[in-house]
Protein backbone atom coordinates (compact mmCIF):
# COMPACT_ATOMS: atom_id res chain seq x y z
CA MET A 1 -44.49 39.81 16.94
CA SER A 2 -40.82 39.79 16.11
CA SER A 3 -40.01 37.25 18.82
CA GLY A 4 -42.61 34.86 17.41
CA LEU A 5 -41.15 35.25 13.93
CA ILE A 6 -37.67 34.49 15.23
CA LYS A 7 -38.92 31.35 16.97
CA ARG A 8 -40.54 30.16 13.73
CA LEU A 9 -37.44 30.87 11.62
CA PHE A 10 -34.91 29.45 14.12
CA PRO A 11 -35.42 25.75 13.14
CA LEU A 12 -35.14 26.65 9.46
CA LEU A 13 -31.92 28.54 10.21
CA LEU A 14 -30.48 25.50 11.96
CA HIS A 15 -31.47 23.25 9.05
CA PHE A 16 -29.55 25.43 6.56
CA THR A 17 -26.60 25.80 8.93
CA PHE A 18 -25.97 22.11 9.39
CA ASN A 19 -26.89 20.89 5.92
CA TYR A 20 -25.70 23.52 3.47
CA SER A 21 -23.12 25.73 5.02
CA SER A 22 -20.67 22.95 5.91
CA THR A 23 -18.27 21.66 3.27
CA PRO A 24 -16.81 18.17 3.14
CA PRO A 25 -13.15 17.68 4.04
CA THR A 26 -10.82 18.02 1.10
CA ALA A 27 -8.76 15.14 -0.34
CA LEU A 28 -5.33 15.16 1.26
CA ASN A 29 -1.83 14.04 0.28
CA THR A 30 -2.25 14.94 -3.40
CA SER A 31 0.92 14.09 -5.39
CA MET A 32 2.18 13.52 -8.92
CA HIS A 33 4.10 10.37 -9.88
CA SER A 34 5.95 10.65 -13.19
CA VAL A 35 8.23 7.88 -14.47
CA ASN A 36 9.40 7.49 -18.08
CA MET A 37 7.07 10.26 -19.26
CA LYS A 38 3.99 8.63 -17.73
CA HIS A 39 2.31 11.16 -15.45
CA VAL A 40 -0.18 9.88 -12.86
CA LEU A 41 -1.91 12.11 -10.31
CA ARG A 42 -2.81 10.37 -7.03
CA TRP A 43 -4.69 11.49 -3.94
CA SER A 44 -5.97 10.05 -0.68
CA PRO A 45 -9.69 9.18 -0.49
CA LEU A 46 -12.14 11.63 1.01
CA GLN A 47 -12.52 11.16 4.74
CA ALA A 48 -16.22 11.88 5.05
CA SER A 49 -19.49 10.01 5.23
CA CYS A 50 -20.92 10.21 1.74
CA SER A 51 -23.44 7.96 0.08
CA THR A 52 -21.77 8.80 -3.25
CA VAL A 53 -18.45 10.50 -3.95
CA ASN A 54 -16.63 11.24 -7.18
CA TYR A 55 -13.72 13.30 -8.40
CA SER A 56 -13.02 15.48 -11.41
CA VAL A 57 -9.56 16.72 -12.42
CA GLN A 58 -8.63 20.00 -14.11
CA PHE A 59 -5.30 21.46 -15.27
CA GLN A 60 -4.00 24.82 -16.28
CA GLY A 61 -0.77 25.37 -18.19
CA GLU A 62 1.00 28.45 -19.41
CA TYR A 63 -0.99 28.41 -22.64
CA GLU A 64 -4.34 28.22 -20.79
CA PHE A 65 -3.21 30.95 -18.40
CA TYR A 66 -1.87 33.48 -20.91
CA LYS A 67 -3.84 32.67 -24.06
CA LEU A 68 -7.18 31.45 -22.70
CA ASN A 69 -7.72 33.99 -19.95
CA ALA A 70 -6.54 31.70 -17.09
CA SER A 71 -9.15 29.08 -17.87
CA TRP A 72 -9.00 25.55 -16.47
CA MET A 73 -9.24 22.51 -18.75
CA ASN A 74 -11.01 19.27 -17.87
CA ALA A 75 -8.89 16.12 -17.95
CA TYR A 76 -10.84 14.12 -20.48
CA ASP A 77 -10.55 10.69 -18.82
CA CYS A 78 -10.89 11.93 -15.25
CA GLN A 79 -14.33 13.42 -14.89
CA GLU A 80 -16.69 12.20 -12.16
CA ILE A 81 -14.56 9.15 -11.42
CA SER A 82 -14.53 7.08 -8.24
CA ALA A 83 -10.84 6.10 -8.40
CA ASN A 84 -8.13 7.93 -6.49
CA ARG A 85 -5.78 8.31 -9.48
CA CYS A 86 -5.76 10.02 -12.86
CA ASP A 87 -3.43 9.41 -15.79
CA LEU A 88 -2.54 12.84 -17.20
CA THR A 89 0.12 11.67 -19.67
CA HIS A 90 -1.73 12.90 -22.76
CA ASP A 91 -3.03 16.07 -21.14
CA LEU A 92 0.31 17.45 -19.97
CA ALA A 93 1.85 17.40 -23.43
CA SER A 94 4.17 20.43 -23.33
CA ASN A 95 7.16 21.53 -21.30
CA SER A 96 5.20 24.14 -19.34
CA ASP A 97 4.42 24.40 -15.66
CA TYR A 98 0.96 22.99 -14.97
CA SER A 99 -1.33 23.74 -12.03
CA ILE A 100 -3.60 20.83 -11.26
CA ARG A 101 -6.65 20.62 -9.06
CA ILE A 102 -9.28 18.05 -8.03
CA ASN A 103 -12.95 18.71 -7.52
CA THR A 104 -14.55 16.45 -4.91
CA ASN A 105 -18.31 15.86 -5.05
CA CYS A 106 -19.79 14.41 -1.84
CA ASP A 107 -23.57 14.00 -2.18
CA GLY A 108 -23.72 17.22 -4.15
CA GLN A 109 -21.35 19.19 -1.98
CA LYS A 110 -18.19 20.20 -3.79
CA SER A 111 -14.72 21.20 -2.66
CA TRP A 112 -11.37 21.78 -4.41
CA THR A 113 -7.91 20.44 -3.68
CA GLN A 114 -4.94 21.77 -5.62
CA LEU A 115 -1.58 20.16 -6.16
CA PRO A 116 0.84 21.96 -3.79
CA ALA A 117 3.31 22.81 -6.55
CA THR A 118 3.18 23.11 -10.31
CA PHE A 119 4.27 20.12 -12.37
CA ASN A 120 6.49 20.08 -15.46
CA ARG A 121 7.00 16.90 -17.48
CA ARG A 122 10.72 17.65 -17.58
CA ASP A 123 10.73 16.51 -13.94
CA THR A 124 9.86 12.95 -14.94
CA VAL A 125 12.17 10.20 -13.69
CA LEU A 126 13.91 8.37 -16.51
CA LEU A 127 14.74 4.72 -15.96
CA ALA A 128 17.64 3.37 -18.02
CA PRO A 129 16.54 0.66 -20.48
CA LYS A 130 17.81 -2.85 -19.90
CA MET A 131 20.28 -3.88 -22.60
CA THR A 132 20.57 -7.52 -23.74
CA VAL A 133 23.18 -8.93 -26.10
CA ASP A 134 22.49 -12.24 -27.86
CA VAL A 135 25.74 -13.65 -29.26
CA GLU A 136 24.30 -17.07 -30.23
CA ARG A 137 22.61 -15.71 -33.33
CA ASP A 138 24.25 -14.38 -36.45
CA PRO A 139 24.37 -11.44 -36.74
CA ILE A 140 24.57 -10.50 -33.05
CA GLN A 141 21.32 -9.08 -31.66
CA VAL A 142 21.28 -6.12 -29.26
CA GLY A 143 17.95 -5.23 -27.64
CA PHE A 144 16.67 -2.63 -25.18
CA SER A 145 13.57 -3.11 -23.05
CA THR A 146 11.75 0.06 -22.02
CA THR A 147 8.26 1.55 -21.72
CA LEU A 148 9.32 4.69 -23.58
CA SER A 149 8.26 4.83 -27.21
CA ASP A 150 9.70 8.22 -28.15
CA MET A 151 13.44 8.23 -27.60
CA THR A 152 16.74 7.68 -29.35
CA ILE A 153 19.35 5.15 -28.21
CA ASN A 154 22.96 5.88 -29.08
CA LEU A 155 24.88 2.62 -29.13
CA LYS A 156 28.68 2.40 -29.06
CA VAL A 157 30.45 -0.87 -29.99
CA TRP A 158 34.14 -1.67 -29.87
CA LYS A 159 36.59 -4.53 -29.54
CA GLU A 160 37.94 -4.77 -26.02
CA GLY A 161 41.08 -2.69 -25.71
CA ASP A 162 40.35 -0.68 -28.86
CA GLU A 163 37.67 1.85 -27.77
CA GLN A 164 39.24 4.65 -29.82
CA ASN A 165 38.04 2.84 -32.93
CA ALA A 166 34.52 2.29 -31.66
CA LEU A 167 31.53 2.31 -34.01
CA ASN A 168 28.47 4.44 -33.17
CA TYR A 169 24.90 3.67 -34.08
CA ALA A 170 21.58 5.48 -33.52
CA ILE A 171 18.42 3.48 -32.87
CA ARG A 172 15.27 5.60 -33.18
CA ALA A 173 12.47 3.13 -33.92
CA TYR A 174 10.47 1.07 -31.41
CA PRO A 175 11.09 -1.75 -30.60
CA TYR A 176 14.70 -0.86 -30.00
CA HIS A 177 16.65 -3.75 -31.54
CA PHE A 178 19.86 -3.69 -33.56
CA SER A 179 21.83 -6.33 -35.53
CA ILE A 180 25.63 -6.22 -35.59
CA ALA A 181 27.99 -8.32 -37.69
CA ALA A 182 31.10 -9.29 -35.69
CA HIS A 183 34.15 -11.46 -36.23
CA ARG A 184 33.77 -14.62 -34.21
CA GLY A 185 36.63 -16.49 -32.64
CA ARG A 186 36.57 -15.94 -28.88
CA GLU A 187 37.11 -12.19 -29.22
CA LYS A 188 35.46 -9.87 -26.69
CA MET A 189 33.19 -7.07 -27.80
CA CYS A 190 32.00 -4.21 -25.61
CA PHE A 191 28.66 -2.39 -25.83
CA ARG A 192 27.67 0.92 -24.23
CA ALA A 193 24.52 2.95 -24.80
CA GLU A 194 22.63 6.05 -23.69
CA ALA A 195 18.95 6.82 -24.02
CA VAL A 196 18.01 10.31 -25.14
CA VAL A 197 14.53 11.79 -24.75
CA GLU A 198 14.73 14.83 -27.00
CA ALA A 199 11.28 16.20 -26.02
CA ILE A 200 12.52 17.04 -22.53
CA ASN A 201 16.27 17.09 -23.32
CA LYS A 202 17.16 14.35 -20.90
CA ILE A 203 19.77 11.59 -21.13
CA CYS A 204 20.32 8.40 -19.10
CA SER A 205 23.31 6.12 -19.42
CA ILE A 206 23.23 2.34 -19.79
CA ASP A 207 26.01 0.24 -18.19
CA THR A 208 28.75 -1.18 -20.42
CA GLN A 209 28.63 -4.86 -21.29
CA CYS A 210 31.62 -6.82 -22.61
CA VAL A 211 30.87 -10.29 -23.93
CA ILE A 212 32.83 -13.04 -25.70
CA ILE A 213 31.82 -13.79 -29.25
CA PRO A 214 32.18 -17.56 -29.59
CA GLU A 215 32.64 -19.56 -32.77
CA GLN A 216 29.28 -20.40 -34.26
CA THR A 217 28.43 -23.97 -35.21
CA PRO A 218 28.12 -24.26 -39.02
CA ASP A 219 24.64 -24.84 -40.30
CA PHE A 220 25.51 -28.19 -41.96
CA VAL A 221 26.79 -29.57 -38.60
CA LYS A 222 23.47 -29.16 -36.79
CA PRO A 223 21.60 -31.80 -38.94
CA MET A 224 24.54 -34.16 -38.45
CA ILE A 225 24.30 -33.81 -34.69
CA VAL A 226 20.59 -34.54 -34.75
CA SER A 227 21.05 -37.52 -37.02
CA GLY A 228 23.77 -38.93 -34.78
CA ALA A 229 21.55 -38.62 -31.72
CA VAL A 230 18.78 -40.50 -33.52
CA VAL A 231 21.17 -43.32 -34.55
CA VAL A 232 22.45 -43.68 -30.97
CA ALA A 233 18.90 -43.85 -29.60
CA VAL A 234 17.94 -46.58 -32.11
CA ALA A 235 21.10 -48.57 -31.33
CA VAL A 236 20.45 -48.45 -27.58
CA ALA A 237 16.88 -49.63 -28.09
CA PHE A 238 18.06 -52.53 -30.29
CA ILE A 239 20.65 -53.64 -27.75
CA LEU A 240 18.14 -53.59 -24.91
CA GLY A 241 15.63 -55.65 -26.96
CA TRP A 242 18.26 -58.21 -28.01
CA SER A 243 19.48 -58.56 -24.38
CA ALA A 244 15.95 -59.17 -23.07
CA THR A 245 15.41 -61.94 -25.67
CA HIS A 246 18.68 -63.86 -25.15
CA PHE A 247 19.29 -63.36 -21.45
CA GLY A 248 15.73 -63.53 -20.22
CA PRO A 249 15.88 -67.24 -19.12
CA GLN A 250 19.18 -66.70 -17.31
CA ILE A 251 17.70 -63.75 -15.45
CA LYS A 252 14.72 -65.86 -14.40
CA GLU A 253 17.05 -68.64 -13.07
CA ILE A 254 18.73 -66.18 -10.71
CA CYS A 255 15.67 -66.27 -8.39
CA HIS A 256 14.89 -70.09 -8.31
CA ARG A 257 13.03 -72.01 -5.64
CA GLU A 258 15.10 -74.19 -3.25
CA PRO A 259 14.04 -77.90 -3.18
CA ILE A 260 12.47 -79.32 -0.02
CA PRO A 261 14.88 -81.60 1.94
CA SER A 262 14.39 -85.32 1.34
CA VAL A 263 13.94 -85.92 5.05
CA LEU A 264 10.71 -83.88 4.95
CA LEU A 265 9.40 -85.40 1.74
CA GLU A 266 9.01 -88.98 3.14
CA ASP A 267 6.24 -88.04 5.59
CA TRP A 268 5.00 -84.90 3.73
CA PRO A 269 1.20 -85.17 3.11
CA THR A 270 0.27 -85.34 -0.57
CA SER A 271 -2.70 -83.04 -0.05
CA THR A 272 -0.61 -80.17 1.32
CA PRO A 273 -1.30 -77.00 -0.78
CA ILE A 274 1.61 -75.25 -2.49
CA LEU A 275 2.39 -71.92 -0.84
CA CYS A 276 3.33 -68.93 -2.96
CA THR A 277 4.99 -67.00 -0.20
CA GLY A 278 8.53 -67.64 0.90
CA VAL A 279 8.85 -69.46 4.24
CA SER A 280 12.10 -69.63 6.16
CA LEU A 281 12.59 -72.70 8.35
CA GLU A 282 14.74 -72.23 11.47
CA PRO A 283 17.81 -74.53 11.68
CA THR A 284 16.64 -75.81 15.09
CA ASP A 285 13.44 -77.15 13.52
CA LEU A 286 15.44 -79.14 10.95
CA LEU A 287 17.52 -80.71 13.71
CA GLN A 288 14.46 -81.72 15.71
CA LEU A 289 12.72 -83.26 12.66
CA SER A 290 15.85 -85.21 11.78
CA ALA A 291 16.08 -86.58 15.30
CA VAL A 292 12.56 -87.82 15.22
CA GLN A 293 13.17 -89.60 11.92
CA VAL A 294 16.26 -91.39 13.27
CA GLU A 295 14.44 -92.64 16.35
CA GLY A 296 11.66 -94.02 14.19
CA SER A 297 14.08 -95.95 12.02
CA VAL A 298 15.79 -97.47 15.05
């Protein structure tokens, strides 16, 4: 009796063993990429045969661990997604150590992969903004290009050789541009800056630039230059038109048609058509034709 029951239950046991007890492989090579306070979680795709697969991301900071009984929070924009990346910039909004994990769903079978180490946004990589100095405009324009929108740029400006009397400015609003009035006249001004992200207490330095401040063209001179260019263009056009009118016939006479030698005209048929293409007669032909004409006259 018992042996028959085992035989009947054995196929069912195999079915559950192969279909429900196995778990899909976990996503590997999970890592966090954080540059300029933009935090992106990335992971390798699941290496398994699934008709459908999606991922959900959760995080747990110090607040969630100590105040919310070690609960895990869902990353709002990264639930049941098919992509292999998740932007956690707005979720990891404090300077605490975060544990992060990924739930993989392969045809209803779920597994977890956790980031090997905790992440703190203070570990972000800060890239120094690019500083540009425009000396053609008045006042001088100093700009900084960056993806950070919450920082302070401390700008230091001095005349070359006189750094002890440098002027300091703080630029706190985005976009980070600043106007500086400077004395023109071929003097050299130097600019140095540092970017400060107060939220994570990090500073990155920006290389010093020293540029010559040239004399600026007065505003009343620019219309005069434009007017002069217009006058020159009109004069050139007039001269070319006058030259074409008065020297046109002389130009045409440069390429005139050579007359046919009289020796050939005496016996030249009157019905011969006029050719429009240039024909070059060899000198030997002229000598032969002349000889025939002399014999006839004799």
